[in-house]
């Protein structure tokens, strides 16, 4: 819906108070429905920044800013890489469960 510019359909898909946010995907942009106060229809749709994606994934700020040769990475490539990653808090939770079972 976001790709088609259908804001009404996009807001109907998710983004209401109390609902979980969908996962980051590498294959598509990450449009985000935002509102601070009031009703959802008073908000707007925008793309997430690489910094916001890093925070959502539980990574330190700037984690994807530079490549292995200290060259700057484009915002698109950063978001793509984050969409292919596993969220750090999820990995920690799974590993903690494995450790608990093995002890």
N, C-alpha and C. Protein backbone atom coordinates (compact mmCIF):
# COMPACT_ATOMS: atom_id res chain seq x y z
N UNK A 1 0.82 -1.20 0.00
CA UNK A 1 0.00 0.00 0.00
C UNK A 1 0.86 1.25 0.00
N UNK A 2 1.96 1.21 0.77
CA UNK A 2 2.84 2.38 0.82
C UNK A 2 3.51 2.61 -0.53
N UNK A 3 3.92 1.53 -1.20
CA UNK A 3 4.56 1.67 -2.51
C UNK A 3 3.61 2.32 -3.51
N UNK A 4 2.33 2.04 -3.39
CA UNK A 4 1.34 2.60 -4.31
C UNK A 4 0.89 3.99 -3.89
N UNK A 5 1.34 4.44 -2.73
CA UNK A 5 0.94 5.75 -2.24
C UNK A 5 -0.45 5.78 -1.65
N UNK A 6 -0.97 4.61 -1.31
CA UNK A 6 -2.32 4.51 -0.74
C UNK A 6 -2.22 4.63 0.78
N UNK A 7 -2.28 5.88 1.27
CA UNK A 7 -2.11 6.11 2.70
C UNK A 7 -3.24 5.48 3.52
N UNK A 8 -4.44 5.55 3.03
CA UNK A 8 -5.57 4.98 3.77
C UNK A 8 -5.41 3.46 3.92
N UNK A 9 -5.08 2.79 2.81
CA UNK A 9 -4.87 1.34 2.86
C UNK A 9 -3.67 0.97 3.71
N UNK A 10 -2.62 1.80 3.65
CA UNK A 10 -1.41 1.55 4.44
C UNK A 10 -1.73 1.60 5.93
N UNK A 11 -2.45 2.63 6.33
CA UNK A 11 -2.79 2.76 7.75
C UNK A 11 -3.72 1.64 8.22
N UNK A 12 -4.52 1.12 7.31
CA UNK A 12 -5.43 0.03 7.67
C UNK A 12 -4.67 -1.28 7.87
N UNK A 13 -3.47 -1.40 7.28
CA UNK A 13 -2.69 -2.64 7.38
C UNK A 13 -2.09 -2.83 8.76
N UNK A 14 -1.63 -1.78 9.40
CA UNK A 14 -0.98 -1.84 10.70
C UNK A 14 -0.82 -0.43 11.23
N UNK A 15 -0.24 -0.32 12.38
CA UNK A 15 0.11 1.00 12.89
C UNK A 15 -0.88 1.59 13.87
N UNK A 16 -1.83 0.81 14.33
CA UNK A 16 -2.75 1.33 15.32
C UNK A 16 -2.14 1.15 16.72
N UNK A 17 -2.57 1.98 17.66
CA UNK A 17 -2.05 1.92 19.03
C UNK A 17 -2.12 0.50 19.58
N UNK A 18 -1.01 0.05 20.17
CA UNK A 18 -0.97 -1.26 20.81
C UNK A 18 -0.64 -2.42 19.90
N UNK A 19 -0.58 -2.20 18.59
CA UNK A 19 -0.26 -3.30 17.66
C UNK A 19 1.24 -3.37 17.43
N UNK A 20 1.78 -4.57 17.18
CA UNK A 20 3.22 -4.68 16.92
C UNK A 20 3.57 -4.09 15.55
N UNK A 21 4.82 -3.66 15.41
CA UNK A 21 5.31 -3.14 14.15
C UNK A 21 5.88 -4.29 13.34
N UNK A 22 5.68 -4.33 12.03
CA UNK A 22 6.22 -5.44 11.23
C UNK A 22 7.74 -5.42 11.21
N UNK A 23 8.34 -6.53 10.84
CA UNK A 23 9.79 -6.62 10.79
C UNK A 23 10.36 -5.82 9.63
N UNK A 24 11.65 -5.51 9.73
CA UNK A 24 12.34 -4.84 8.62
C UNK A 24 12.58 -5.86 7.53
N UNK A 25 12.38 -5.47 6.29
CA UNK A 25 12.61 -6.36 5.15
C UNK A 25 13.61 -5.72 4.20
N UNK A 26 14.54 -6.52 3.71
CA UNK A 26 15.54 -5.99 2.78
C UNK A 26 14.94 -5.75 1.39
N UNK A 27 13.90 -6.47 1.04
CA UNK A 27 13.38 -6.41 -0.32
C UNK A 27 12.56 -5.17 -0.62
N UNK A 28 12.11 -4.47 0.39
CA UNK A 28 11.28 -3.27 0.17
C UNK A 28 11.75 -2.15 1.08
N UNK A 29 11.36 -0.93 0.74
CA UNK A 29 11.62 0.19 1.62
C UNK A 29 10.86 0.02 2.92
N UNK A 30 11.21 0.77 3.90
CA UNK A 30 10.58 0.63 5.21
C UNK A 30 9.70 1.83 5.53
N UNK A 31 8.55 1.96 4.86
CA UNK A 31 7.66 3.06 5.22
C UNK A 31 7.16 2.88 6.64
N UNK A 32 6.93 3.96 7.30
CA UNK A 32 6.59 3.94 8.71
C UNK A 32 5.44 4.91 8.96
N UNK A 33 4.38 4.45 9.58
CA UNK A 33 3.27 5.32 9.93
C UNK A 33 3.59 5.96 11.27
N UNK A 34 3.52 7.29 11.35
CA UNK A 34 3.91 7.99 12.56
C UNK A 34 2.82 8.93 13.02
N UNK A 35 2.56 8.92 14.31
CA UNK A 35 1.75 9.95 14.95
C UNK A 35 2.20 10.03 16.39
N UNK A 36 2.14 11.22 16.94
CA UNK A 36 2.60 11.42 18.31
C UNK A 36 1.43 11.42 19.28
N UNK A 37 0.43 12.20 18.98
CA UNK A 37 -0.77 12.26 19.81
C UNK A 37 -1.98 12.32 18.90
N UNK A 38 -3.13 12.02 19.44
CA UNK A 38 -4.34 12.10 18.65
C UNK A 38 -4.62 10.81 17.90
N UNK A 39 -5.40 10.91 16.86
CA UNK A 39 -5.82 9.74 16.09
C UNK A 39 -4.79 9.39 15.02
N UNK A 40 -4.78 8.11 14.64
CA UNK A 40 -3.82 7.64 13.65
C UNK A 40 -3.91 8.41 12.34
N UNK A 41 -5.11 8.76 11.91
CA UNK A 41 -5.26 9.44 10.63
C UNK A 41 -4.66 10.85 10.65
N UNK A 42 -4.28 11.36 11.82
CA UNK A 42 -3.62 12.65 11.91
C UNK A 42 -2.11 12.53 11.68
N UNK A 43 -1.62 11.32 11.58
CA UNK A 43 -0.19 11.10 11.38
C UNK A 43 0.19 11.17 9.92
N UNK A 44 1.37 10.66 9.61
CA UNK A 44 1.86 10.67 8.24
C UNK A 44 2.74 9.45 8.01
N UNK A 45 3.09 9.23 6.75
CA UNK A 45 3.92 8.09 6.36
C UNK A 45 5.27 8.61 5.92
N UNK A 46 6.33 7.98 6.41
CA UNK A 46 7.68 8.35 5.99
C UNK A 46 8.56 7.11 6.02
N UNK A 47 9.76 7.21 5.45
CA UNK A 47 10.72 6.11 5.47
C UNK A 47 11.54 6.17 6.76
N UNK A 48 11.93 5.01 7.26
CA UNK A 48 12.82 4.96 8.40
C UNK A 48 14.23 5.32 7.97
N UNK A 49 14.98 5.97 8.84
CA UNK A 49 16.37 6.29 8.56
C UNK A 49 17.24 5.09 8.95
N UNK A 50 18.47 5.02 8.43
CA UNK A 50 19.36 3.93 8.84
C UNK A 50 19.57 3.90 10.36
N UNK A 51 19.67 5.08 10.98
CA UNK A 51 19.84 5.15 12.43
C UNK A 51 18.66 4.50 13.15
N UNK A 52 17.44 4.79 12.70
CA UNK A 52 16.26 4.20 13.31
C UNK A 52 16.25 2.68 13.11
N UNK A 53 16.65 2.23 11.93
CA UNK A 53 16.71 0.79 11.66
C UNK A 53 17.73 0.11 12.58
N UNK A 54 18.89 0.76 12.78
CA UNK A 54 19.90 0.20 13.69
C UNK A 54 19.34 0.09 15.10
N UNK A 55 18.66 1.11 15.54
CA UNK A 55 18.07 1.08 16.89
C UNK A 55 17.03 -0.02 17.01
N UNK A 56 16.18 -0.17 15.98
CA UNK A 56 15.16 -1.23 16.01
C UNK A 56 15.78 -2.62 16.08
N UNK A 57 16.95 -2.77 15.47
CA UNK A 57 17.63 -4.06 15.45
C UNK A 57 18.48 -4.29 16.70
N UNK A 58 18.54 -3.29 17.60
CA UNK A 58 19.31 -3.43 18.82
C UNK A 58 20.79 -3.24 18.64
N UNK A 59 21.19 -2.57 17.57
CA UNK A 59 22.61 -2.34 17.28
C UNK A 59 23.04 -0.95 17.73
N UNK A 60 24.33 -0.75 17.96
CA UNK A 60 24.81 0.59 18.31
C UNK A 60 24.60 1.57 17.16
N UNK A 61 24.43 2.84 17.50
CA UNK A 61 24.26 3.87 16.47
C UNK A 61 25.49 3.92 15.58
N UNK A 62 25.30 3.98 14.28
CA UNK A 62 26.39 4.05 13.33
C UNK A 62 27.02 2.72 12.98
N UNK A 63 26.44 1.63 13.45
CA UNK A 63 27.00 0.29 13.24
C UNK A 63 27.22 -0.03 11.76
N UNK A 64 26.34 0.43 10.91
CA UNK A 64 26.43 0.13 9.47
C UNK A 64 26.94 1.31 8.65
N UNK A 65 27.44 2.35 9.31
CA UNK A 65 27.82 3.57 8.60
C UNK A 65 29.01 3.39 7.66
N UNK A 66 29.95 2.53 8.03
CA UNK A 66 31.16 2.34 7.22
C UNK A 66 31.37 0.88 6.89
N UNK A 67 31.96 0.62 5.72
CA UNK A 67 32.28 -0.73 5.29
C UNK A 67 33.58 -1.22 5.89
N UNK A 68 34.05 -2.39 5.45
CA UNK A 68 35.25 -3.00 6.01
C UNK A 68 36.52 -2.22 5.68
N UNK A 69 36.47 -1.36 4.67
CA UNK A 69 37.63 -0.54 4.31
C UNK A 69 37.42 0.91 4.73
N UNK A 70 36.56 1.13 5.71
CA UNK A 70 36.22 2.47 6.23
C UNK A 70 35.64 3.40 5.18
N UNK A 71 35.02 2.83 4.12
CA UNK A 71 34.34 3.67 3.13
C UNK A 71 32.89 3.86 3.59
N UNK A 72 32.33 5.06 3.40
CA UNK A 72 30.93 5.29 3.79
C UNK A 72 29.99 4.40 2.98
N UNK A 73 28.95 3.93 3.63
CA UNK A 73 27.94 3.08 3.00
C UNK A 73 26.69 3.92 2.76
N UNK A 74 26.05 3.76 1.61
CA UNK A 74 24.84 4.53 1.31
C UNK A 74 23.70 4.14 2.25
N UNK A 75 22.77 5.06 2.44
CA UNK A 75 21.62 4.79 3.30
C UNK A 75 20.84 3.58 2.79
N UNK A 76 20.68 3.48 1.47
CA UNK A 76 19.94 2.36 0.90
C UNK A 76 20.63 1.03 1.24
N UNK A 77 21.95 0.98 1.07
CA UNK A 77 22.69 -0.25 1.36
C UNK A 77 22.64 -0.58 2.85
N UNK A 78 22.68 0.44 3.69
CA UNK A 78 22.60 0.22 5.14
C UNK A 78 21.26 -0.41 5.52
N UNK A 79 20.17 0.17 5.01
CA UNK A 79 18.84 -0.36 5.32
C UNK A 79 18.67 -1.76 4.74
N UNK A 80 19.22 -2.00 3.57
CA UNK A 80 19.15 -3.33 2.95
C UNK A 80 19.85 -4.35 3.84
N UNK A 81 21.04 -4.01 4.32
CA UNK A 81 21.80 -4.92 5.19
C UNK A 81 21.05 -5.17 6.49
N UNK A 82 20.46 -4.14 7.06
CA UNK A 82 19.72 -4.30 8.30
C UNK A 82 18.47 -5.16 8.10
N UNK A 83 17.86 -5.05 6.93
CA UNK A 83 16.70 -5.87 6.62
C UNK A 83 17.05 -7.34 6.48
N UNK A 84 18.31 -7.64 6.19
CA UNK A 84 18.77 -9.03 6.09
C UNK A 84 19.34 -9.56 7.40
N UNK A 85 19.35 -8.75 8.42
CA UNK A 85 19.97 -9.12 9.70
C UNK A 85 18.93 -9.69 10.67
N UNK A 86 19.43 -10.29 11.74
CA UNK A 86 18.56 -10.72 12.83
C UNK A 86 18.66 -9.68 13.93
N UNK A 87 17.55 -9.36 14.56
CA UNK A 87 17.55 -8.38 15.63
C UNK A 87 18.34 -8.92 16.82
N UNK A 88 19.27 -8.12 17.32
CA UNK A 88 20.14 -8.54 18.41
C UNK A 88 19.36 -8.99 19.65
N UNK A 89 18.33 -8.27 20.09
CA UNK A 89 17.58 -8.74 21.26
C UNK A 89 16.95 -10.13 21.04
N UNK A 90 16.50 -10.42 19.83
CA UNK A 90 15.94 -11.75 19.54
C UNK A 90 17.01 -12.82 19.64
N UNK A 91 18.18 -12.55 19.07
CA UNK A 91 19.28 -13.51 19.12
C UNK A 91 19.71 -13.75 20.57
N UNK A 92 19.80 -12.69 21.36
CA UNK A 92 20.18 -12.84 22.77
C UNK A 92 19.17 -13.69 23.53
N UNK A 93 17.88 -13.48 23.26
CA UNK A 93 16.83 -14.24 23.92
C UNK A 93 16.93 -15.73 23.58
N UNK A 94 17.15 -16.02 22.32
CA UNK A 94 17.24 -17.42 21.87
C UNK A 94 18.47 -18.09 22.49
N UNK A 95 19.61 -17.40 22.44
CA UNK A 95 20.84 -17.98 23.00
C UNK A 95 20.69 -18.17 24.51
N UNK A 96 20.07 -17.23 25.20
CA UNK A 96 19.86 -17.38 26.65
C UNK A 96 19.00 -18.61 26.93
N UNK A 97 17.99 -18.88 26.11
CA UNK A 97 17.16 -20.06 26.28
C UNK A 97 17.94 -21.33 26.07
N UNK A 98 18.82 -21.34 25.08
CA UNK A 98 19.65 -22.51 24.82
C UNK A 98 20.59 -22.76 26.01
N UNK A 99 21.21 -21.69 26.52
CA UNK A 99 22.11 -21.82 27.67
C UNK A 99 21.35 -22.36 28.87
N UNK A 100 20.15 -21.86 29.10
CA UNK A 100 19.34 -22.32 30.24
C UNK A 100 19.03 -23.81 30.13
N UNK A 101 18.68 -24.28 28.97
CA UNK A 101 18.37 -25.69 28.77
C UNK A 101 19.61 -26.57 28.94
N UNK A 102 20.75 -26.07 28.48
CA UNK A 102 21.97 -26.86 28.53
C UNK A 102 22.60 -26.92 29.93
N UNK A 103 22.20 -26.02 30.81
CA UNK A 103 22.80 -26.03 32.16
C UNK A 103 22.09 -26.95 33.10
